[in-house]
Amino acid sequence: ENDPEILQRRQKQIDYGKNTPEYNSYLTQVPRSERTKFHPFTPEKNAKYSRRSWDMMIRIWRKQLHIWDP
């Protein structure tokens, strides 16, 4: 993706998800070196996705983070 407006919107959504207690708890419980493909991962903002696909990926990521809700 090259459109700066889209990239800015996507970064805002990622930042919103990373500023949650669930994400902080996830970071402390699962170090990066111990993560598997089954752990939540931040969607790649620079990849080419439709708006609907991107929104669904963010929604799934945020729901997966609730597993580590304190």
PDB file of N, CA and C in Angstrom:
ATOM      1  N   GLU A   1       0.851  -1.183   0.000  1.00  0.00           N
ATOM      2  CA  GLU A   1       0.000   0.000   0.000  1.00  0.00           C
ATOM      3  C   GLU A   1       0.888   1.235   0.000  1.00  0.00           C
ATOM      4  N   ASN A   2       0.528   2.213  -0.829  1.00  0.00           N
ATOM      5  CA  ASN A   2       1.334   3.432  -0.956  1.00  0.00           C
ATOM      6  C   ASN A   2       0.588   4.695  -0.566  1.00  0.00           C
ATOM      7  N   ASP A   3      -0.719   4.619  -0.450  1.00  0.00           N
ATOM      8  CA  ASP A   3      -1.516   5.803  -0.152  1.00  0.00           C
ATOM      9  C   ASP A   3      -1.271   6.257   1.290  1.00  0.00           C
ATOM     10  N   PRO A   4      -0.736   7.470   1.476  1.00  0.00           N
ATOM     11  CA  PRO A   4      -0.424   7.930   2.846  1.00  0.00           C
ATOM     12  C   PRO A   4      -1.652   8.046   3.742  1.00  0.00           C
ATOM     13  N   GLU A   5      -2.795   8.363   3.173  1.00  0.00           N
ATOM     14  CA  GLU A   5      -4.021   8.473   3.969  1.00  0.00           C
ATOM     15  C   GLU A   5      -4.434   7.112   4.532  1.00  0.00           C
ATOM     16  N   ILE A   6      -4.338   6.084   3.704  1.00  0.00           N
ATOM     17  CA  ILE A   6      -4.688   4.734   4.143  1.00  0.00           C
ATOM     18  C   ILE A   6      -3.688   4.248   5.185  1.00  0.00           C
ATOM     19  N   LEU A   7      -2.397   4.486   4.946  1.00  0.00           N
ATOM     20  CA  LEU A   7      -1.369   4.060   5.897  1.00  0.00           C
ATOM     21  C   LEU A   7      -1.536   4.759   7.240  1.00  0.00           C
ATOM     22  N   GLN A   8      -1.901   6.024   7.212  1.00  0.00           N
ATOM     23  CA  GLN A   8      -2.112   6.772   8.452  1.00  0.00           C
ATOM     24  C   GLN A   8      -3.304   6.199   9.226  1.00  0.00           C
ATOM     25  N   ARG A   9      -4.378   5.877   8.511  1.00  0.00           N
ATOM     26  CA  ARG A   9      -5.557   5.298   9.152  1.00  0.00           C
ATOM     27  C   ARG A   9      -5.236   3.926   9.750  1.00  0.00           C
ATOM     28  N   ARG A  10      -4.494   3.128   9.002  1.00  0.00           N
ATOM     29  CA  ARG A  10      -4.127   1.806   9.503  1.00  0.00           C
ATOM     30  C   ARG A  10      -3.229   1.910  10.737  1.00  0.00           C
ATOM     31  N   GLN A  11      -2.268   2.840  10.716  1.00  0.00           N
ATOM     32  CA  GLN A  11      -1.386   3.001  11.869  1.00  0.00           C
ATOM     33  C   GLN A  11      -2.167   3.448  13.095  1.00  0.00           C
ATOM     34  N   LYS A  12      -3.163   4.284  12.887  1.00  0.00           N
ATOM     35  CA  LYS A  12      -4.001   4.731  13.999  1.00  0.00           C
ATOM     36  C   LYS A  12      -4.730   3.548  14.632  1.00  0.00           C
ATOM     37  N   GLN A  13      -5.249   2.632  13.802  1.00  0.00           N
ATOM     38  CA  GLN A  13      -5.935   1.448  14.323  1.00  0.00           C
ATOM     39  C   GLN A  13      -4.973   0.536  15.073  1.00  0.00           C
ATOM     40  N   ILE A  14      -3.755   0.378  14.545  1.00  0.00           N
ATOM     41  CA  ILE A  14      -2.749  -0.447  15.211  1.00  0.00           C
ATOM     42  C   ILE A  14      -2.357   0.176  16.548  1.00  0.00           C
ATOM     43  N   ASP A  15      -2.125   1.480  16.555  1.00  0.00           N
ATOM     44  CA  ASP A  15      -1.755   2.171  17.789  1.00  0.00           C
ATOM     45  C   ASP A  15      -2.848   2.052  18.843  1.00  0.00           C
ATOM     46  N   TYR A  16      -4.094   2.131  18.410  1.00  0.00           N
ATOM     47  CA  TYR A  16      -5.208   2.002  19.337  1.00  0.00           C
ATOM     48  C   TYR A  16      -5.204   0.620  19.997  1.00  0.00           C
ATOM     49  N   GLY A  17      -4.931  -0.424  19.207  1.00  0.00           N
ATOM     50  CA  GLY A  17      -4.883  -1.776  19.749  1.00  0.00           C
ATOM     51  C   GLY A  17      -3.698  -1.996  20.672  1.00  0.00           C
ATOM     52  N   LYS A  18      -2.575  -1.344  20.375  1.00  0.00           N
ATOM     53  CA  LYS A  18      -1.372  -1.529  21.190  1.00  0.00           C
ATOM     54  C   LYS A  18      -1.408  -0.722  22.483  1.00  0.00           C
ATOM     55  N   ASN A  19      -2.332   0.213  22.612  1.00  0.00           N
ATOM     56  CA  ASN A  19      -2.449   1.012  23.826  1.00  0.00           C
ATOM     57  C   ASN A  19      -3.515   0.468  24.766  1.00  0.00           C
ATOM     58  N   THR A  20      -3.688  -0.839  24.773  1.00  0.00           N
ATOM     59  CA  THR A  20      -4.684  -1.465  25.639  1.00  0.00           C
ATOM     60  C   THR A  20      -3.994  -2.290  26.716  1.00  0.00           C
ATOM     61  N   PRO A  21      -4.669  -2.505  27.846  1.00  0.00           N
ATOM     62  CA  PRO A  21      -4.093  -3.366  28.890  1.00  0.00           C
ATOM     63  C   PRO A  21      -3.900  -4.806  28.407  1.00  0.00           C
ATOM     64  N   GLU A  22      -4.766  -5.263  27.502  1.00  0.00           N
ATOM     65  CA  GLU A  22      -4.646  -6.618  26.975  1.00  0.00           C
ATOM     66  C   GLU A  22      -3.331  -6.799  26.225  1.00  0.00           C
ATOM     67  N   TYR A  23      -2.970  -5.796  25.420  1.00  0.00           N
ATOM     68  CA  TYR A  23      -1.735  -5.887  24.645  1.00  0.00           C
ATOM     69  C   TYR A  23      -0.519  -5.861  25.566  1.00  0.00           C
ATOM     70  N   ASN A  24      -0.538  -5.002  26.582  1.00  0.00           N
ATOM     71  CA  ASN A  24       0.580  -4.943  27.527  1.00  0.00           C
ATOM     72  C   ASN A  24       0.726  -6.261  28.273  1.00  0.00           C
ATOM     73  N   SER A  25      -0.380  -6.857  28.657  1.00  0.00           N
ATOM     74  CA  SER A  25      -0.357  -8.148  29.329  1.00  0.00           C
ATOM     75  C   SER A  25       0.188  -9.225  28.395  1.00  0.00           C
ATOM     76  N   TYR A  26      -0.219  -9.182  27.150  1.00  0.00           N
ATOM     77  CA  TYR A  26       0.264 -10.131  26.144  1.00  0.00           C
ATOM     78  C   TYR A  26       1.775 -10.015  25.984  1.00  0.00           C
ATOM     79  N   LEU A  27       2.293  -8.794  25.926  1.00  0.00           N
ATOM     80  CA  LEU A  27       3.733  -8.594  25.766  1.00  0.00           C
ATOM     81  C   LEU A  27       4.527  -9.172  26.926  1.00  0.00           C
ATOM     82  N   THR A  28       4.002  -9.034  28.136  1.00  0.00           N
ATOM     83  CA  THR A  28       4.734  -9.541  29.292  1.00  0.00           C
ATOM     84  C   THR A  28       4.633 -11.060  29.424  1.00  0.00           C
ATOM     85  N   GLN A  29       3.527 -11.641  29.002  1.00  0.00           N
ATOM     86  CA  GLN A  29       3.329 -13.084  29.158  1.00  0.00           C
ATOM     87  C   GLN A  29       3.954 -13.912  28.040  1.00  0.00           C
ATOM     88  N   VAL A  30       4.031 -13.338  26.837  1.00  0.00           N
ATOM     89  CA  VAL A  30       4.539 -14.088  25.687  1.00  0.00           C
ATOM     90  C   VAL A  30       5.663 -13.299  25.022  1.00  0.00           C
ATOM     91  N   PRO A  31       6.917 -13.577  25.371  1.00  0.00           N
ATOM     92  CA  PRO A  31       8.034 -12.891  24.708  1.00  0.00           C
ATOM     93  C   PRO A  31       8.051 -13.203  23.213  1.00  0.00           C
ATOM     94  N   ARG A  32       8.586 -12.295  22.438  1.00  0.00           N
ATOM     95  CA  ARG A  32       8.598 -12.445  20.981  1.00  0.00           C
ATOM     96  C   ARG A  32       9.261 -13.760  20.555  1.00  0.00           C
ATOM     97  N   SER A  33      10.301 -14.166  21.253  1.00  0.00           N
ATOM     98  CA  SER A  33      11.016 -15.389  20.877  1.00  0.00           C
ATOM     99  C   SER A  33      10.189 -16.654  21.103  1.00  0.00           C
ATOM    100  N   GLU A  34       9.148 -16.575  21.938  1.00  0.00           N
ATOM    101  CA  GLU A  34       8.323 -17.740  22.239  1.00  0.00           C
ATOM    102  C   GLU A  34       7.011 -17.779  21.465  1.00  0.00           C
ATOM    103  N   ARG A  35       6.775 -16.818  20.619  1.00  0.00           N
ATOM    104  CA  ARG A  35       5.512 -16.763  19.880  1.00  0.00           C
ATOM    105  C   ARG A  35       5.490 -17.772  18.743  1.00  0.00           C
ATOM    106  N   THR A  36       4.308 -18.308  18.512  1.00  0.00           N
ATOM    107  CA  THR A  36       4.104 -19.245  17.419  1.00  0.00           C
ATOM    108  C   THR A  36       3.106 -18.635  16.443  1.00  0.00           C
ATOM    109  N   LYS A  37       2.799 -19.376  15.413  1.00  0.00           N
ATOM    110  CA  LYS A  37       1.838 -18.862  14.435  1.00  0.00           C
ATOM    111  C   LYS A  37       0.421 -18.814  14.997  1.00  0.00           C
ATOM    112  N   PHE A  38       0.212 -19.415  16.162  1.00  0.00           N
ATOM    113  CA  PHE A  38      -1.111 -19.425  16.777  1.00  0.00           C
ATOM    114  C   PHE A  38      -1.345 -18.227  17.687  1.00  0.00           C
ATOM    115  N   HIS A  39      -0.316 -17.445  17.971  1.00  0.00           N
ATOM    116  CA  HIS A  39      -0.457 -16.250  18.790  1.00  0.00           C
ATOM    117  C   HIS A  39      -0.943 -15.087  17.922  1.00  0.00           C
ATOM    118  N   PRO A  40      -1.576 -14.095  18.549  1.00  0.00           N
ATOM    119  CA  PRO A  40      -2.007 -12.928  17.776  1.00  0.00           C
ATOM    120  C   PRO A  40      -0.805 -12.196  17.187  1.00  0.00           C
ATOM    121  N   PHE A  41      -0.967 -11.695  15.997  1.00  0.00           N
ATOM    122  CA  PHE A  41       0.091 -10.907  15.375  1.00  0.00           C
ATOM    123  C   PHE A  41      -0.522  -9.634  14.799  1.00  0.00           C
ATOM    124  N   THR A  42       0.262  -8.579  14.844  1.00  0.00           N
ATOM    125  CA  THR A  42      -0.194  -7.296  14.318  1.00  0.00           C
ATOM    126  C   THR A  42      -0.248  -7.389  12.798  1.00  0.00           C
ATOM    127  N   PRO A  43      -1.369  -7.026  12.186  1.00  0.00           N
ATOM    128  CA  PRO A  43      -1.460  -7.074  10.726  1.00  0.00           C
ATOM    129  C   PRO A  43      -0.439  -6.156  10.062  1.00  0.00           C
ATOM    130  N   GLU A  44       0.050  -6.556   8.919  1.00  0.00           N
ATOM    131  CA  GLU A  44       1.034  -5.783   8.157  1.00  0.00           C
ATOM    132  C   GLU A  44       0.329  -4.624   7.469  1.00  0.00           C
ATOM    133  N   LYS A  45       0.649  -3.420   7.893  1.00  0.00           N
ATOM    134  CA  LYS A  45      -0.081  -2.258   7.380  1.00  0.00           C
ATOM    135  C   LYS A  45       0.309  -1.895   5.954  1.00  0.00           C
ATOM    136  N   ASN A  46       1.485  -2.315   5.486  1.00  0.00           N
ATOM    137  CA  ASN A  46       1.939  -1.933   4.150  1.00  0.00           C
ATOM    138  C   ASN A  46       1.469  -2.875   3.054  1.00  0.00           C
ATOM    139  N   ALA A  47       0.843  -3.962   3.408  1.00  0.00           N
ATOM    140  CA  ALA A  47       0.354  -4.909   2.404  1.00  0.00           C
ATOM    141  C   ALA A  47      -0.929  -4.384   1.765  1.00  0.00           C
ATOM    142  N   LYS A  48      -1.210  -4.852   0.589  1.00  0.00           N
ATOM    143  CA  LYS A  48      -2.386  -4.402  -0.150  1.00  0.00           C
ATOM    144  C   LYS A  48      -3.600  -5.242   0.262  1.00  0.00           C
ATOM    145  N   TYR A  49      -4.541  -4.614   0.964  1.00  0.00           N
ATOM    146  CA  TYR A  49      -5.787  -5.255   1.379  1.00  0.00           C
ATOM    147  C   TYR A  49      -6.941  -4.339   1.033  1.00  0.00           C
ATOM    148  N   SER A  50      -8.109  -4.934   0.849  1.00  0.00           N
ATOM    149  CA  SER A  50      -9.304  -4.116   0.712  1.00  0.00           C
ATOM    150  C   SER A  50      -9.650  -3.556   2.085  1.00  0.00           C
ATOM    151  N   ARG A  51     -10.456  -2.543   2.119  1.00  0.00           N
ATOM    152  CA  ARG A  51     -10.844  -1.928   3.392  1.00  0.00           C
ATOM    153  C   ARG A  51     -11.542  -2.946   4.290  1.00  0.00           C
ATOM    154  N   ARG A  52     -12.416  -3.741   3.698  1.00  0.00           N
ATOM    155  CA  ARG A  52     -13.163  -4.734   4.467  1.00  0.00           C
ATOM    156  C   ARG A  52     -12.227  -5.806   5.030  1.00  0.00           C
ATOM    157  N   SER A  53     -11.271  -6.259   4.237  1.00  0.00           N
ATOM    158  CA  SER A  53     -10.318  -7.270   4.709  1.00  0.00           C
ATOM    159  C   SER A  53      -9.462  -6.726   5.844  1.00  0.00           C
ATOM    160  N   TRP A  54      -8.989  -5.492   5.692  1.00  0.00           N
ATOM    161  CA  TRP A  54      -8.163  -4.887   6.738  1.00  0.00           C
ATOM    162  C   TRP A  54      -8.955  -4.752   8.043  1.00  0.00           C
ATOM    163  N   ASP A  55     -10.172  -4.262   7.945  1.00  0.00           N
ATOM    164  CA  ASP A  55     -10.998  -4.101   9.142  1.00  0.00           C
ATOM    165  C   ASP A  55     -11.242  -5.441   9.833  1.00  0.00           C
ATOM    166  N   MET A  56     -11.431  -6.503   9.072  1.00  0.00           N
ATOM    167  CA  MET A  56     -11.643  -7.823   9.655  1.00  0.00           C
ATOM    168  C   MET A  56     -10.375  -8.323  10.337  1.00  0.00           C
ATOM    169  N   MET A  57      -9.217  -8.084   9.736  1.00  0.00           N
ATOM    170  CA  MET A  57      -7.958  -8.509  10.350  1.00  0.00           C
ATOM    171  C   MET A  57      -7.725  -7.785  11.672  1.00  0.00           C
ATOM    172  N   ILE A  58      -8.018  -6.492  11.716  1.00  0.00           N
ATOM    173  CA  ILE A  58      -7.868  -5.720  12.951  1.00  0.00           C
ATOM    174  C   ILE A  58      -8.843  -6.243  14.005  1.00  0.00           C
ATOM    175  N   ARG A  59     -10.069  -6.519  13.605  1.00  0.00           N
ATOM    176  CA  ARG A  59     -11.079  -7.017  14.537  1.00  0.00           C
ATOM    177  C   ARG A  59     -10.657  -8.356  15.132  1.00  0.00           C
ATOM    178  N   ILE A  60     -10.157  -9.258  14.308  1.00  0.00           N
ATOM    179  CA  ILE A  60      -9.707 -10.570  14.782  1.00  0.00           C
ATOM    180  C   ILE A  60      -8.521 -10.409  15.727  1.00  0.00           C
ATOM    181  N   TRP A  61      -7.568  -9.557  15.363  1.00  0.00           N
ATOM    182  CA  TRP A  61      -6.394  -9.310  16.199  1.00  0.00           C
ATOM    183  C   TRP A  61      -6.796  -8.782  17.570  1.00  0.00           C
ATOM    184  N   ARG A  62      -7.712  -7.819  17.585  1.00  0.00           N
ATOM    185  CA  ARG A  62      -8.150  -7.241  18.857  1.00  0.00           C
ATOM    186  C   ARG A  62      -8.889  -8.269  19.715  1.00  0.00           C
ATOM    187  N   LYS A  63      -9.703  -9.121  19.102  1.00  0.00           N
ATOM    188  CA  LYS A  63     -10.417 -10.157  19.845  1.00  0.00           C
ATOM    189  C   LYS A  63      -9.444 -11.185  20.414  1.00  0.00           C
ATOM    190  N   GLN A  64      -8.418 -11.537  19.653  1.00  0.00           N
ATOM    191  CA  GLN A  64      -7.430 -12.490  20.143  1.00  0.00           C
ATOM    192  C   GLN A  64      -6.659 -11.925  21.331  1.00  0.00           C
ATOM    193  N   LEU A  65      -6.456 -10.626  21.374  1.00  0.00           N
ATOM    194  CA  LEU A  65      -5.737 -10.015  22.479  1.00  0.00           C
ATOM    195  C   LEU A  65      -6.530 -10.106  23.788  1.00  0.00           C
ATOM    196  N   HIS A  66      -7.838 -10.246  23.697  1.00  0.00           N
ATOM    197  CA  HIS A  66      -8.653 -10.306  24.920  1.00  0.00           C
ATOM    198  C   HIS A  66      -8.394 -11.577  25.731  1.00  0.00           C
ATOM    199  N   ILE A  67      -7.731 -12.556  25.147  1.00  0.00           N
ATOM    200  CA  ILE A  67      -7.356 -13.766  25.891  1.00  0.00           C
ATOM    201  C   ILE A  67      -6.447 -13.389  27.054  1.00  0.00           C
ATOM    202  N   TRP A  68      -5.614 -12.357  26.842  1.00  0.00           N
ATOM    203  CA  TRP A  68      -4.668 -11.935  27.866  1.00  0.00           C
ATOM    204  C   TRP A  68      -5.209 -10.756  28.675  1.00  0.00           C
ATOM    205  N   ASP A  69      -6.513 -10.601  28.700  1.00  0.00           N
ATOM    206  CA  ASP A  69      -7.130  -9.525  29.465  1.00  0.00           C
ATOM    207  C   ASP A  69      -6.870  -9.721  30.960  1.00  0.00           C
ATOM    208  N   PRO A  70      -6.305  -8.719  31.628  1.00  0.00           N
ATOM    209  CA  PRO A  70      -5.988  -8.888  33.064  1.00  0.00           C
ATOM    210  C   PRO A  70      -7.236  -8.958  33.935  1.00  0.00           C
TER     211      PRO A  70
END
